[in-house]
Protein backbone atom coordinates (compact mmCIF):
# COMPACT_ATOMS: atom_id res chain seq x y z
CA UNK A 1 -4.62 11.51 7.31
CA UNK A 2 -2.32 12.43 10.19
CA UNK A 3 -4.65 15.31 11.12
CA UNK A 4 -7.64 12.94 11.09
CA UNK A 5 -5.76 10.35 13.16
CA UNK A 6 -4.75 13.00 15.72
CA UNK A 7 -8.13 14.82 15.73
CA UNK A 8 -6.04 17.98 15.43
CA UNK A 9 -4.51 20.32 12.85
CA UNK A 10 -1.14 18.57 13.17
CA UNK A 11 -0.11 19.56 9.64
CA UNK A 12 -0.93 23.16 8.67
CA UNK A 13 -1.26 22.30 4.96
CA UNK A 14 -4.63 20.70 5.69
CA UNK A 15 -6.54 22.97 8.10
CA UNK A 16 -10.01 21.99 9.23
CA UNK A 17 -9.42 18.25 8.94
CA UNK A 18 -8.92 16.73 12.32
CA UNK A 19 -11.82 18.00 14.35
CA UNK A 20 -13.32 15.34 16.57
CA UNK A 21 -15.52 12.86 14.73
CA UNK A 22 -15.40 11.57 11.18
CA UNK A 23 -13.13 13.43 8.78
CA UNK A 24 -13.29 13.78 4.98
CA UNK A 25 -10.45 14.29 2.53
CA UNK A 26 -11.55 15.58 -0.87
CA UNK A 27 -9.22 14.99 -3.81
CA UNK A 28 -8.88 17.77 -6.37
CA UNK A 29 -6.11 16.14 -8.43
CA UNK A 30 -4.71 12.65 -9.04
CA UNK A 31 -2.27 11.62 -6.29
CA UNK A 32 0.93 9.77 -7.29
CA UNK A 33 2.68 8.28 -4.26
CA UNK A 34 6.44 7.91 -4.60
CA UNK A 35 7.68 7.18 -1.07
CA UNK A 36 6.85 4.94 1.86
CA UNK A 37 4.85 6.87 4.47
CA UNK A 38 4.47 4.10 7.07
CA UNK A 39 5.51 0.54 7.81
CA UNK A 40 2.79 -1.57 9.36
CA UNK A 41 2.34 -5.12 8.04
CA UNK A 42 4.68 -4.05 5.23
CA UNK A 43 5.31 -0.70 3.56
CA UNK A 44 2.40 1.72 2.94
CA UNK A 45 2.25 4.71 0.62
CA UNK A 46 -0.06 6.61 2.98
CA UNK A 47 -0.01 6.88 6.79
CA UNK A 48 -1.94 4.08 8.52
CA UNK A 49 -5.56 5.15 9.02
CA UNK A 50 -6.30 4.97 12.74
CA UNK A 51 -9.46 7.11 13.01
CA UNK A 52 -12.69 7.25 10.98
CA UNK A 53 -12.07 8.79 7.57
CA UNK A 54 -13.79 9.27 4.20
CA UNK A 55 -11.81 9.82 1.02
CA UNK A 56 -14.01 11.62 -1.50
CA UNK A 57 -12.12 11.14 -4.74
CA UNK A 58 -14.28 13.25 -7.07
CA UNK A 59 -13.19 10.95 -9.92
CA UNK A 60 -9.47 11.28 -9.20
CA UNK A 61 -6.94 8.49 -8.49
CA UNK A 62 -4.51 7.52 -5.77
CA UNK A 63 -1.72 5.45 -7.33
CA UNK A 64 1.84 4.33 -6.72
CA UNK A 65 4.06 6.41 -9.00
CA UNK A 66 6.05 4.75 -11.74
CA UNK A 67 9.51 3.92 -10.40
CA UNK A 68 8.44 4.19 -6.76
CA UNK A 69 9.51 1.46 -4.33
CA UNK A 70 7.05 -1.38 -3.76
CA UNK A 71 4.32 -0.66 -1.21
CA UNK A 72 0.59 -1.12 -0.68
CA UNK A 73 -1.40 2.08 -1.05
CA UNK A 74 -2.96 2.10 2.43
CA UNK A 75 -3.74 0.17 5.60
CA UNK A 76 -6.74 0.90 7.78
CA UNK A 77 -7.29 -0.05 11.39
CA UNK A 78 -10.42 2.16 11.55
CA UNK A 79 -13.55 2.92 9.55
CA UNK A 80 -12.61 4.02 6.04
CA UNK A 81 -14.99 5.00 3.24
CA UNK A 82 -13.55 5.38 -0.26
CA UNK A 83 -15.96 7.15 -2.60
CA UNK A 84 -15.62 7.90 -6.34
CA UNK A 85 -11.88 7.11 -6.34
CA UNK A 86 -9.56 4.90 -8.39
CA UNK A 87 -6.82 3.13 -6.45
CA UNK A 88 -4.10 1.38 -8.40
CA UNK A 89 -0.49 0.38 -8.70
CA UNK A 90 -0.10 -0.96 -5.17
CA UNK A 91 2.58 -3.67 -5.12
CA UNK A 92 3.60 -5.47 -1.94
CA UNK A 93 5.03 -8.80 -0.86
CA UNK A 94 2.52 -8.68 2.00
CA UNK A 95 -1.29 -8.69 2.05
CA UNK A 96 -3.55 -6.19 0.26
CA UNK A 97 -2.04 -4.38 -2.72
CA UNK A 98 -4.45 -1.43 -2.54
CA UNK A 99 -5.83 -1.75 1.01
CA UNK A 100 -5.19 -3.94 4.04
CA UNK A 101 -8.08 -3.95 6.52
CA UNK A 102 -6.93 -5.03 9.99
CA UNK A 103 -7.52 -4.62 13.70
CA UNK A 104 -11.31 -4.37 13.39
CA UNK A 105 -11.28 -1.78 10.62
CA UNK A 106 -14.23 -1.33 8.29
CA UNK A 107 -13.77 -0.59 4.58
CA UNK A 108 -16.68 0.72 2.50
CA UNK A 109 -15.93 1.25 -1.19
CA UNK A 110 -18.57 3.21 -3.12
CA UNK A 111 -18.55 4.01 -6.87
CA UNK A 112 -14.80 3.34 -7.00
CA UNK A 113 -12.32 1.21 -8.92
CA UNK A 114 -9.53 -0.91 -7.43
CA UNK A 115 -7.40 -2.02 -10.36
CA UNK A 116 -3.83 -2.94 -11.27
CA UNK A 117 -2.67 -3.86 -7.76
CA UNK A 118 -0.44 -6.79 -6.74
CA UNK A 119 0.19 -8.51 -3.40
CA UNK A 120 1.17 -11.85 -1.94
CA UNK A 121 -2.51 -12.35 -1.13
CA UNK A 122 -5.51 -10.09 -1.62
CA UNK A 123 -4.28 -8.43 -4.81
CA UNK A 124 -6.57 -5.42 -4.30
CA UNK A 125 -7.87 -5.84 -0.73
CA UNK A 126 -7.03 -8.18 2.11
CA UNK A 127 -9.37 -8.23 5.10
CA UNK A 128 -7.42 -9.70 8.00
CA UNK A 129 -9.73 -8.76 10.86
CA UNK A 130 -12.55 -6.44 9.92
CA UNK A 131 -15.37 -5.62 7.53
CA UNK A 132 -15.67 -4.85 3.81
CA UNK A 133 -18.56 -3.59 1.71
CA UNK A 134 -18.41 -2.87 -2.02
CA UNK A 135 -21.22 -0.78 -3.53
CA UNK A 136 -21.40 0.09 -7.25
CA UNK A 137 -17.66 -0.54 -7.57
CA UNK A 138 -15.17 -2.43 -9.75
CA UNK A 139 -12.35 -4.71 -8.59
CA UNK A 140 -10.42 -5.75 -11.70
CA UNK A 141 -7.03 -6.78 -13.05
CA UNK A 142 -5.37 -7.35 -9.67
CA UNK A 143 -2.93 -10.18 -8.88
CA UNK A 144 -2.23 -12.31 -5.81
CA UNK A 145 1.10 -13.99 -6.51
CA UNK A 146 1.35 -16.44 -3.62
CA UNK A 147 0.17 -17.00 -0.11
CA UNK A 148 -3.56 -17.48 0.42
CA UNK A 149 -4.79 -16.24 -2.98
CA UNK A 150 -7.67 -13.87 -3.56
CA UNK A 151 -6.60 -12.07 -6.71
CA UNK A 152 -9.23 -9.37 -6.17
CA UNK A 153 -10.25 -9.78 -2.55
CA UNK A 154 -8.94 -11.96 0.26
CA UNK A 155 -11.43 -12.52 3.05
CA UNK A 156 -9.24 -13.91 5.81
CA UNK A 157 -10.33 -16.23 8.58
CA UNK A 158 -11.11 -13.30 10.85
CA UNK A 159 -13.29 -11.41 8.35
CA UNK A 160 -16.29 -10.30 10.38
CA UNK A 161 -18.55 -9.14 7.53
CA UNK A 162 -18.42 -8.90 3.74
CA UNK A 163 -21.04 -7.55 1.32
CA UNK A 164 -20.88 -6.94 -2.41
CA UNK A 165 -23.73 -4.86 -3.85
CA UNK A 166 -24.07 -4.01 -7.57
CA UNK A 167 -20.31 -4.40 -8.04
CA UNK A 168 -18.06 -6.22 -10.50
CA UNK A 169 -15.14 -8.45 -9.53
CA UNK A 170 -13.43 -9.61 -12.73
CA UNK A 171 -10.12 -10.23 -14.47
CA UNK A 172 -8.25 -10.86 -11.22
CA UNK A 173 -5.63 -13.63 -10.93
CA UNK A 174 -4.39 -15.77 -8.06
CA UNK A 175 -1.09 -17.30 -9.21
CA UNK A 176 -0.64 -20.70 -7.58
CA UNK A 177 -3.43 -20.23 -5.06
CA UNK A 178 -7.21 -20.31 -4.85
CA UNK A 179 -9.73 -17.57 -5.54
CA UNK A 180 -8.92 -15.50 -8.61
CA UNK A 181 -11.72 -13.07 -7.73
CA UNK A 182 -12.39 -13.70 -4.05
């Protein structure tokens, strides 16, 4: 992600990612995050995404490891496509347990599952200022435990666009607030 943000091969363990334009990260194993990589609107398990990026999960997962400190999985301030990936275990006292979309970012989730995340609001995803599109995806069993609600998805007052196509939003809970699903 740092290479993509910098449009350079900043980290030699990931050559080829970082050329100008959109970048793609392809998962070849499940990823268990156990430390905080960035603090922006709360703790994040991955660096904040600041340049266009696609995560091609190939059926693998990105999850917060058991025993890890509480953090959301990722925050995007840019265009992010998540494809064929499971994202789970995010747990934050802030917005968006799996993903926080802010600063005009655009999140497109395709053939993916966002499940088992917890946040103050937007158990799986909180869109503060930006766009979200779900296509052939599942948002399930996420919890918003306060704040504005949105157990699965929170579409904040500055959400610019939201579309849900052939996707399922179910089994999400908003404790003490509105919108168990959205």
